[in-house]
PDB file of N, CA and C in Angstrom:
ATOM      1  N   VAL A   1     -53.509  44.635  21.882  1.00  0.00           N
ATOM      2  CA  VAL A   1     -53.481  44.511  20.435  1.00  0.00           C
ATOM      3  C   VAL A   1     -53.542  43.034  20.045  1.00  0.00           C
ATOM      4  N   CYS A   2     -52.636  42.217  20.636  1.00  0.00           N
ATOM      5  CA  CYS A   2     -52.597  40.771  20.418  1.00  0.00           C
ATOM      6  C   CYS A   2     -51.642  40.175  21.447  1.00  0.00           C
ATOM      7  N   SER A   3     -51.363  38.891  21.349  1.00  0.00           N
ATOM      8  CA  SER A   3     -50.441  38.238  22.284  1.00  0.00           C
ATOM      9  C   SER A   3     -49.357  37.475  21.553  1.00  0.00           C
ATOM     10  N   TYR A   4     -48.172  37.466  22.147  1.00  0.00           N
ATOM     11  CA  TYR A   4     -47.048  36.656  21.664  1.00  0.00           C
ATOM     12  C   TYR A   4     -47.131  35.365  22.464  1.00  0.00           C
ATOM     13  N   GLN A   5     -47.821  34.375  21.898  1.00  0.00           N
ATOM     14  CA  GLN A   5     -48.089  33.126  22.611  1.00  0.00           C
ATOM     15  C   GLN A   5     -48.033  31.965  21.641  1.00  0.00           C
ATOM     16  N   GLY A   6     -47.355  30.921  22.047  1.00  0.00           N
ATOM     17  CA  GLY A   6     -47.228  29.740  21.212  1.00  0.00           C
ATOM     18  C   GLY A   6     -48.505  28.935  21.153  1.00  0.00           C
ATOM     19  N   ALA A   7     -48.591  28.069  20.162  1.00  0.00           N
ATOM     20  CA  ALA A   7     -49.754  27.202  20.010  1.00  0.00           C
ATOM     21  C   ALA A   7     -49.955  26.387  21.276  1.00  0.00           C
ATOM     22  N   GLY A   8     -51.148  26.430  21.809  1.00  0.00           N
ATOM     23  CA  GLY A   8     -51.452  25.687  23.023  1.00  0.00           C
ATOM     24  C   GLY A   8     -50.799  26.259  24.265  1.00  0.00           C
ATOM     25  N   GLY A   9     -50.201  27.443  24.157  1.00  0.00           N
ATOM     26  CA  GLY A   9     -49.569  28.082  25.308  1.00  0.00           C
ATOM     27  C   GLY A   9     -48.272  27.425  25.731  1.00  0.00           C
ATOM     28  N   ALA A  10     -47.629  26.686  24.824  1.00  0.00           N
ATOM     29  CA  ALA A  10     -46.383  25.986  25.158  1.00  0.00           C
ATOM     30  C   ALA A  10     -45.282  26.968  25.544  1.00  0.00           C
ATOM     31  N   VAL A  11     -44.608  26.666  26.641  1.00  0.00           N
ATOM     32  CA  VAL A  11     -43.489  27.473  27.135  1.00  0.00           C
ATOM     33  C   VAL A  11     -42.264  26.565  27.200  1.00  0.00           C
ATOM     34  N   LEU A  12     -41.147  27.070  26.696  1.00  0.00           N
ATOM     35  CA  LEU A  12     -39.904  26.304  26.698  1.00  0.00           C
ATOM     36  C   LEU A  12     -39.011  26.721  27.859  1.00  0.00           C
ATOM     37  N   ALA A  13     -38.308  25.756  28.433  1.00  0.00           N
ATOM     38  CA  ALA A  13     -37.281  26.044  29.422  1.00  0.00           C
ATOM     39  C   ALA A  13     -36.020  26.494  28.682  1.00  0.00           C
ATOM     40  N   THR A  14     -35.096  27.113  29.376  1.00  0.00           N
ATOM     41  CA  THR A  14     -33.879  27.638  28.763  1.00  0.00           C
ATOM     42  C   THR A  14     -33.127  26.568  27.982  1.00  0.00           C
ATOM     43  N   ALA A  15     -32.944  25.389  28.560  1.00  0.00           N
ATOM     44  CA  ALA A  15     -32.190  24.314  27.891  1.00  0.00           C
ATOM     45  C   ALA A  15     -32.822  23.946  26.554  1.00  0.00           C
ATOM     46  N   ASP A  16     -34.148  23.892  26.515  1.00  0.00           N
ATOM     47  CA  ASP A  16     -34.849  23.562  25.263  1.00  0.00           C
ATOM     48  C   ASP A  16     -34.772  24.714  24.264  1.00  0.00           C
ATOM     49  N   ALA A  17     -34.876  25.928  24.746  1.00  0.00           N
ATOM     50  CA  ALA A  17     -34.796  27.102  23.868  1.00  0.00           C
ATOM     51  C   ALA A  17     -33.429  27.198  23.208  1.00  0.00           C
ATOM     52  N   LEU A  18     -32.384  26.896  23.944  1.00  0.00           N
ATOM     53  CA  LEU A  18     -31.028  26.977  23.396  1.00  0.00           C
ATOM     54  C   LEU A  18     -30.767  25.921  22.329  1.00  0.00           C
ATOM     55  N   LYS A  19     -31.517  24.836  22.338  1.00  0.00           N
ATOM     56  CA  LYS A  19     -31.345  23.765  21.356  1.00  0.00           C
ATOM     57  C   LYS A  19     -31.986  24.080  20.009  1.00  0.00           C
ATOM     58  N   LEU A  20     -32.841  25.103  19.960  1.00  0.00           N
ATOM     59  CA  LEU A  20     -33.525  25.434  18.715  1.00  0.00           C
ATOM     60  C   LEU A  20     -32.534  25.893  17.656  1.00  0.00           C
ATOM     61  N   LYS A  21     -32.703  25.395  16.451  1.00  0.00           N
ATOM     62  CA  LYS A  21     -31.835  25.787  15.335  1.00  0.00           C
ATOM     63  C   LYS A  21     -32.149  27.223  14.903  1.00  0.00           C
ATOM     64  N   ASP A  22     -33.435  27.540  14.789  1.00  0.00           N
ATOM     65  CA  ASP A  22     -33.873  28.875  14.369  1.00  0.00           C
ATOM     66  C   ASP A  22     -34.472  29.600  15.573  1.00  0.00           C
ATOM     67  N   LYS A  23     -33.793  30.632  16.016  1.00  0.00           N
ATOM     68  CA  LYS A  23     -34.262  31.403  17.169  1.00  0.00           C
ATOM     69  C   LYS A  23     -34.855  32.745  16.752  1.00  0.00           C
ATOM     70  N   SER A  24     -35.206  32.878  15.479  1.00  0.00           N
ATOM     71  CA  SER A  24     -35.702  34.148  14.941  1.00  0.00           C
ATOM     72  C   SER A  24     -36.970  34.644  15.635  1.00  0.00           C
ATOM     73  N   TYR A  25     -37.806  33.730  16.085  1.00  0.00           N
ATOM     74  CA  TYR A  25     -39.079  34.115  16.690  1.00  0.00           C
ATOM     75  C   TYR A  25     -39.158  33.675  18.157  1.00  0.00           C
ATOM     76  N   LEU A  26     -38.015  33.550  18.784  1.00  0.00           N
ATOM     77  CA  LEU A  26     -37.932  33.128  20.188  1.00  0.00           C
ATOM     78  C   LEU A  26     -37.935  34.361  21.086  1.00  0.00           C
ATOM     79  N   MET A  27     -38.814  34.379  22.071  1.00  0.00           N
ATOM     80  CA  MET A  27     -38.871  35.494  23.025  1.00  0.00           C
ATOM     81  C   MET A  27     -38.708  34.965  24.437  1.00  0.00           C
ATOM     82  N   ARG A  28     -37.824  35.607  25.184  1.00  0.00           N
ATOM     83  CA  ARG A  28     -37.654  35.267  26.599  1.00  0.00           C
ATOM     84  C   ARG A  28     -38.697  36.039  27.392  1.00  0.00           C
ATOM     85  N   LEU A  29     -39.508  35.297  28.128  1.00  0.00           N
ATOM     86  CA  LEU A  29     -40.534  35.913  28.957  1.00  0.00           C
ATOM     87  C   LEU A  29     -40.026  36.193  30.360  1.00  0.00           C
ATOM     88  N   GLY A  30     -39.106  35.363  30.818  1.00  0.00           N
ATOM     89  CA  GLY A  30     -38.569  35.466  32.167  1.00  0.00           C
ATOM     90  C   GLY A  30     -37.669  34.276  32.417  1.00  0.00           C
ATOM     91  N   PRO A  31     -37.235  34.083  33.666  1.00  0.00           N
ATOM     92  CA  PRO A  31     -36.374  32.939  33.974  1.00  0.00           C
ATOM     93  C   PRO A  31     -37.047  31.615  33.586  1.00  0.00           C
ATOM     94  N   GLN A  32     -36.342  30.830  32.796  1.00  0.00           N
ATOM     95  CA  GLN A  32     -36.826  29.499  32.384  1.00  0.00           C
ATOM     96  C   GLN A  32     -38.163  29.558  31.644  1.00  0.00           C
ATOM     97  N   ALA A  33     -38.419  30.642  30.921  1.00  0.00           N
ATOM     98  CA  ALA A  33     -39.688  30.774  30.203  1.00  0.00           C
ATOM     99  C   ALA A  33     -39.469  31.463  28.859  1.00  0.00           C
ATOM    100  N   TYR A  34     -39.608  30.686  27.782  1.00  0.00           N
ATOM    101  CA  TYR A  34     -39.450  31.182  26.416  1.00  0.00           C
ATOM    102  C   TYR A  34     -40.648  30.764  25.587  1.00  0.00           C
ATOM    103  N   VAL A  35     -40.981  31.594  24.609  1.00  0.00           N
ATOM    104  CA  VAL A  35     -42.031  31.278  23.647  1.00  0.00           C
ATOM    105  C   VAL A  35     -41.394  31.320  22.267  1.00  0.00           C
ATOM    106  N   ASP A  36     -41.699  30.317  21.437  1.00  0.00           N
ATOM    107  CA  ASP A  36     -41.167  30.241  20.083  1.00  0.00           C
ATOM    108  C   ASP A  36     -42.324  30.253  19.094  1.00  0.00           C
ATOM    109  N   LEU A  37     -42.362  31.273  18.232  1.00  0.00           N
ATOM    110  CA  LEU A  37     -43.418  31.374  17.227  1.00  0.00           C
ATOM    111  C   LEU A  37     -42.923  31.064  15.819  1.00  0.00           C
ATOM    112  N   ALA A  38     -41.768  30.433  15.699  1.00  0.00           N
ATOM    113  CA  ALA A  38     -41.194  30.143  14.379  1.00  0.00           C
ATOM    114  C   ALA A  38     -42.136  29.321  13.510  1.00  0.00           C
ATOM    115  N   GLY A  39     -42.835  28.381  14.077  1.00  0.00           N
ATOM    116  CA  GLY A  39     -43.706  27.522  13.286  1.00  0.00           C
ATOM    117  C   GLY A  39     -45.161  27.940  13.272  1.00  0.00           C
ATOM    118  N   ASP A  40     -45.473  29.085  13.861  1.00  0.00           N
ATOM    119  CA  ASP A  40     -46.867  29.520  13.970  1.00  0.00           C
ATOM    120  C   ASP A  40     -47.089  30.798  13.168  1.00  0.00           C
ATOM    121  N   THR A  41     -47.354  30.640  11.881  1.00  0.00           N
ATOM    122  CA  THR A  41     -47.530  31.809  11.021  1.00  0.00           C
ATOM    123  C   THR A  41     -48.856  32.524  11.259  1.00  0.00           C
ATOM    124  N   SER A  42     -49.751  31.926  12.040  1.00  0.00           N
ATOM    125  CA  SER A  42     -51.030  32.578  12.332  1.00  0.00           C
ATOM    126  C   SER A  42     -50.934  33.546  13.515  1.00  0.00           C
ATOM    127  N   ALA A  43     -49.837  33.507  14.264  1.00  0.00           N
ATOM    128  CA  ALA A  43     -49.659  34.393  15.412  1.00  0.00           C
ATOM    129  C   ALA A  43     -49.267  35.788  14.930  1.00  0.00           C
ATOM    130  N   LEU A  44     -50.175  36.736  15.031  1.00  0.00           N
ATOM    131  CA  LEU A  44     -49.939  38.078  14.513  1.00  0.00           C
ATOM    132  C   LEU A  44     -48.750  38.776  15.170  1.00  0.00           C
ATOM    133  N   ALA A  45     -48.493  38.486  16.424  1.00  0.00           N
ATOM    134  CA  ALA A  45     -47.415  39.168  17.147  1.00  0.00           C
ATOM    135  C   ALA A  45     -46.042  38.891  16.541  1.00  0.00           C
ATOM    136  N   ARG A  46     -45.888  37.799  15.826  1.00  0.00           N
ATOM    137  CA  ARG A  46     -44.577  37.480  15.244  1.00  0.00           C
ATOM    138  C   ARG A  46     -44.198  38.434  14.124  1.00  0.00           C
ATOM    139  N   TYR A  47     -45.147  39.209  13.642  1.00  0.00           N
ATOM    140  CA  TYR A  47     -44.890  40.136  12.534  1.00  0.00           C
ATOM    141  C   TYR A  47     -44.590  41.563  12.998  1.00  0.00           C
ATOM    142  N   ILE A  48     -44.509  41.775  14.301  1.00  0.00           N
ATOM    143  CA  ILE A  48     -44.166  43.098  14.827  1.00  0.00           C
ATOM    144  C   ILE A  48     -42.696  43.359  14.537  1.00  0.00           C
ATOM    145  N   ASN A  49     -42.415  44.540  14.031  1.00  0.00           N
ATOM    146  CA  ASN A  49     -41.057  44.903  13.634  1.00  0.00           C
ATOM    147  C   ASN A  49     -40.233  45.396  14.821  1.00  0.00           C
ATOM    148  N   ASP A  50     -38.942  45.107  14.774  1.00  0.00           N
ATOM    149  CA  ASP A  50     -37.990  45.589  15.780  1.00  0.00           C
ATOM    150  C   ASP A  50     -37.459  46.931  15.294  1.00  0.00           C
ATOM    151  N   ALA A  51     -37.603  47.959  16.101  1.00  0.00           N
ATOM    152  CA  ALA A  51     -37.119  49.288  15.730  1.00  0.00           C
ATOM    153  C   ALA A  51     -36.092  49.757  16.748  1.00  0.00           C
ATOM    154  N   ARG A  52     -34.917  50.076  16.278  1.00  0.00           N
ATOM    155  CA  ARG A  52     -33.860  50.575  17.170  1.00  0.00           C
ATOM    156  C   ARG A  52     -34.134  52.014  17.620  1.00  0.00           C
ATOM    157  N   ASN A  53     -34.904  52.739  16.834  1.00  0.00           N
ATOM    158  CA  ASN A  53     -35.220  54.125  17.152  1.00  0.00           C
ATOM    159  C   ASN A  53     -36.473  54.161  18.027  1.00  0.00           C
ATOM    160  N   PRO A  54     -36.352  54.518  19.298  1.00  0.00           N
ATOM    161  CA  PRO A  54     -37.509  54.526  20.204  1.00  0.00           C
ATOM    162  C   PRO A  54     -38.662  55.417  19.728  1.00  0.00           C
ATOM    163  N   ALA A  55     -38.369  56.403  18.916  1.00  0.00           N
ATOM    164  CA  ALA A  55     -39.425  57.289  18.425  1.00  0.00           C
ATOM    165  C   ALA A  55     -40.407  56.546  17.520  1.00  0.00           C
ATOM    166  N   ARG A  56     -40.010  55.416  16.977  1.00  0.00           N
ATOM    167  CA  ARG A  56     -40.880  54.624  16.091  1.00  0.00           C
ATOM    168  C   ARG A  56     -41.754  53.633  16.846  1.00  0.00           C
ATOM    169  N   HIS A  57     -41.436  53.348  18.102  1.00  0.00           N
ATOM    170  CA  HIS A  57     -42.195  52.358  18.869  1.00  0.00           C
ATOM    171  C   HIS A  57     -43.644  52.811  19.041  1.00  0.00           C
ATOM    172  N   ASN A  58     -44.568  51.932  18.689  1.00  0.00           N
ATOM    173  CA  ASN A  58     -45.980  52.215  18.923  1.00  0.00           C
ATOM    174  C   ASN A  58     -46.672  51.096  19.715  1.00  0.00           C
ATOM    175  N   VAL A  59     -45.911  50.045  20.029  1.00  0.00           N
ATOM    176  CA  VAL A  59     -46.388  48.982  20.920  1.00  0.00           C
ATOM    177  C   VAL A  59     -45.240  48.555  21.825  1.00  0.00           C
ATOM    178  N   ARG A  60     -45.602  47.869  22.894  1.00  0.00           N
ATOM    179  CA  ARG A  60     -44.592  47.294  23.788  1.00  0.00           C
ATOM    180  C   ARG A  60     -45.064  45.909  24.209  1.00  0.00           C
ATOM    181  N   PHE A  61     -44.123  45.096  24.683  1.00  0.00           N
ATOM    182  CA  PHE A  61     -44.447  43.752  25.153  1.00  0.00           C
ATOM    183  C   PHE A  61     -44.598  43.769  26.665  1.00  0.00           C
ATOM    184  N   LEU A  62     -45.725  43.295  27.152  1.00  0.00           N
ATOM    185  CA  LEU A  62     -45.964  43.102  28.569  1.00  0.00           C
ATOM    186  C   LEU A  62     -45.762  41.614  28.821  1.00  0.00           C
ATOM    187  N   LYS A  63     -44.599  41.251  29.341  1.00  0.00           N
ATOM    188  CA  LYS A  63     -44.235  39.839  29.497  1.00  0.00           C
ATOM    189  C   LYS A  63     -44.901  39.240  30.734  1.00  0.00           C
ATOM    190  N   LEU A  64     -45.577  38.120  30.518  1.00  0.00           N
ATOM    191  CA  LEU A  64     -46.318  37.416  31.567  1.00  0.00           C
ATOM    192  C   LEU A  64     -45.847  35.965  31.614  1.00  0.00           C
ATOM    193  N   PRO A  65     -44.666  35.714  32.193  1.00  0.00           N
ATOM    194  CA  PRO A  65     -44.102  34.361  32.161  1.00  0.00           C
ATOM    195  C   PRO A  65     -44.981  33.306  32.821  1.00  0.00           C
ATOM    196  N   ASP A  66     -45.682  33.651  33.864  1.00  0.00           N
ATOM    197  CA  ASP A  66     -46.539  32.669  34.539  1.00  0.00           C
ATOM    198  C   ASP A  66     -47.730  32.263  33.680  1.00  0.00           C
ATOM    199  N   GLU A  67     -48.065  33.097  32.690  1.00  0.00           N
ATOM    200  CA  GLU A  67     -49.177  32.800  31.801  1.00  0.00           C
ATOM    201  C   GLU A  67     -48.695  32.309  30.435  1.00  0.00           C
ATOM    202  N   GLY A  68     -47.371  32.280  30.246  1.00  0.00           N
ATOM    203  CA  GLY A  68     -46.798  31.747  29.011  1.00  0.00           C
ATOM    204  C   GLY A  68     -46.995  32.623  27.790  1.00  0.00           C
ATOM    205  N   ARG A  69     -47.039  33.935  28.004  1.00  0.00           N
ATOM    206  CA  ARG A  69     -47.250  34.830  26.865  1.00  0.00           C
ATOM    207  C   ARG A  69     -46.735  36.232  27.180  1.00  0.00           C
ATOM    208  N   ALA A  70     -46.662  37.032  26.124  1.00  0.00           N
ATOM    209  CA  ALA A  70     -46.408  38.462  26.248  1.00  0.00           C
ATOM    210  C   ALA A  70     -47.536  39.166  25.523  1.00  0.00           C
ATOM    211  N   ASP A  71     -48.251  40.014  26.219  1.00  0.00           N
ATOM    212  CA  ASP A  71     -49.309  40.785  25.573  1.00  0.00           C
ATOM    213  C   ASP A  71     -48.673  41.963  24.851  1.00  0.00           C
ATOM    214  N   VAL A  72     -49.216  42.296  23.700  1.00  0.00           N
ATOM    215  CA  VAL A  72     -48.752  43.438  22.924  1.00  0.00           C
ATOM    216  C   VAL A  72     -49.692  44.596  23.254  1.00  0.00           C
ATOM    217  N   VAL A  73     -49.104  45.666  23.801  1.00  0.00           N
ATOM    218  CA  VAL A  73     -49.883  46.804  24.275  1.00  0.00           C
ATOM    219  C   VAL A  73     -49.530  48.038  23.452  1.00  0.00           C
ATOM    220  N   ALA A  74     -50.546  48.724  22.960  1.00  0.00           N
ATOM    221  CA  ALA A  74     -50.319  49.956  22.201  1.00  0.00           C
ATOM    222  C   ALA A  74     -49.835  51.052  23.143  1.00  0.00           C
ATOM    223  N   THR A  75     -48.856  51.826  22.685  1.00  0.00           N
ATOM    224  CA  THR A  75     -48.340  52.938  23.485  1.00  0.00           C
ATOM    225  C   THR A  75     -48.907  54.277  23.006  1.00  0.00           C
ATOM    226  N   ARG A  76     -49.674  54.221  21.920  1.00  0.00           N
ATOM    227  CA  ARG A  76     -50.365  55.402  21.381  1.00  0.00           C
ATOM    228  C   ARG A  76     -51.442  54.894  20.432  1.00  0.00           C
ATOM    229  N   ASN A  77     -52.268  55.792  19.923  1.00  0.00           N
ATOM    230  CA  ASN A  77     -53.277  55.387  18.933  1.00  0.00           C
ATOM    231  C   ASN A  77     -52.571  54.887  17.681  1.00  0.00           C
ATOM    232  N   ILE A  78     -53.075  53.805  17.117  1.00  0.00           N
ATOM    233  CA  ILE A  78     -52.494  53.199  15.921  1.00  0.00           C
ATOM    234  C   ILE A  78     -53.539  53.246  14.813  1.00  0.00           C
ATOM    235  N   GLU A  79     -53.137  53.780  13.687  1.00  0.00           N
ATOM    236  CA  GLU A  79     -54.030  53.893  12.544  1.00  0.00           C
ATOM    237  C   GLU A  79     -54.183  52.534  11.843  1.00  0.00           C
ATOM    238  N   GLU A  80     -55.321  52.311  11.217  1.00  0.00           N
ATOM    239  CA  GLU A  80     -55.550  51.088  10.450  1.00  0.00           C
ATOM    240  C   GLU A  80     -54.484  50.967   9.365  1.00  0.00           C
ATOM    241  N   GLY A  81     -53.866  49.789   9.265  1.00  0.00           N
ATOM    242  CA  GLY A  81     -52.845  49.518   8.255  1.00  0.00           C
ATOM    243  C   GLY A  81     -51.448  49.969   8.651  1.00  0.00           C
ATOM    244  N   GLU A  82     -51.310  50.626   9.792  1.00  0.00           N
ATOM    245  CA  GLU A  82     -50.003  51.094  10.249  1.00  0.00           C
ATOM    246  C   GLU A  82     -49.141  49.919  10.715  1.00  0.00           C
ATOM    247  N   GLU A  83     -47.875  49.944  10.392  1.00  0.00           N
ATOM    248  CA  GLU A  83     -46.940  48.899  10.845  1.00  0.00           C
ATOM    249  C   GLU A  83     -46.745  49.034  12.360  1.00  0.00           C
ATOM    250  N   LEU A  84     -46.519  47.909  13.021  1.00  0.00           N
ATOM    251  CA  LEU A  84     -46.257  47.914  14.451  1.00  0.00           C
ATOM    252  C   LEU A  84     -44.763  47.777  14.692  1.00  0.00           C
ATOM    253  N   TYR A  85     -44.257  48.592  15.644  1.00  0.00           N
ATOM    254  CA  TYR A  85     -42.833  48.594  15.994  1.00  0.00           C
ATOM    255  C   TYR A  85     -42.675  48.505  17.503  1.00  0.00           C
ATOM    256  N   ALA A  86     -41.725  47.668  17.920  1.00  0.00           N
ATOM    257  CA  ALA A  86     -41.430  47.505  19.344  1.00  0.00           C
ATOM    258  C   ALA A  86     -39.933  47.373  19.524  1.00  0.00           C
ATOM    259  N   ASP A  87     -39.514  47.383  20.776  1.00  0.00           N
ATOM    260  CA  ASP A  87     -38.109  47.156  21.121  1.00  0.00           C
ATOM    261  C   ASP A  87     -37.969  45.703  21.527  1.00  0.00           C
ATOM    262  N   TYR A  88     -37.216  44.944  20.754  1.00  0.00           N
ATOM    263  CA  TYR A  88     -36.989  43.534  21.080  1.00  0.00           C
ATOM    264  C   TYR A  88     -35.788  43.361  22.018  1.00  0.00           C
ATOM    265  N   GLY A  89     -35.108  44.443  22.307  1.00  0.00           N
ATOM    266  CA  GLY A  89     -33.983  44.399  23.239  1.00  0.00           C
ATOM    267  C   GLY A  89     -32.662  44.028  22.611  1.00  0.00           C
TER     268      GLY A  89
END
């Protein structure tokens, strides 16, 4: 569907991620690998909604820490204009 990836593929280490004031768009990809989309309003993946009810999930994150991103993968057919929901954990 799209990717959760920072501008230029920047990946933050844990120490740098913890220093961020706003962690609203921070995703842990794996050990010592975080992506922050707080300042990147063009990244479509930052607008995926967190749903506590698993029945609402229609996408999932495939975390690829070595590549500095998480791919967003559809778990079923998604209609045009439909909101995207995933489990942020």
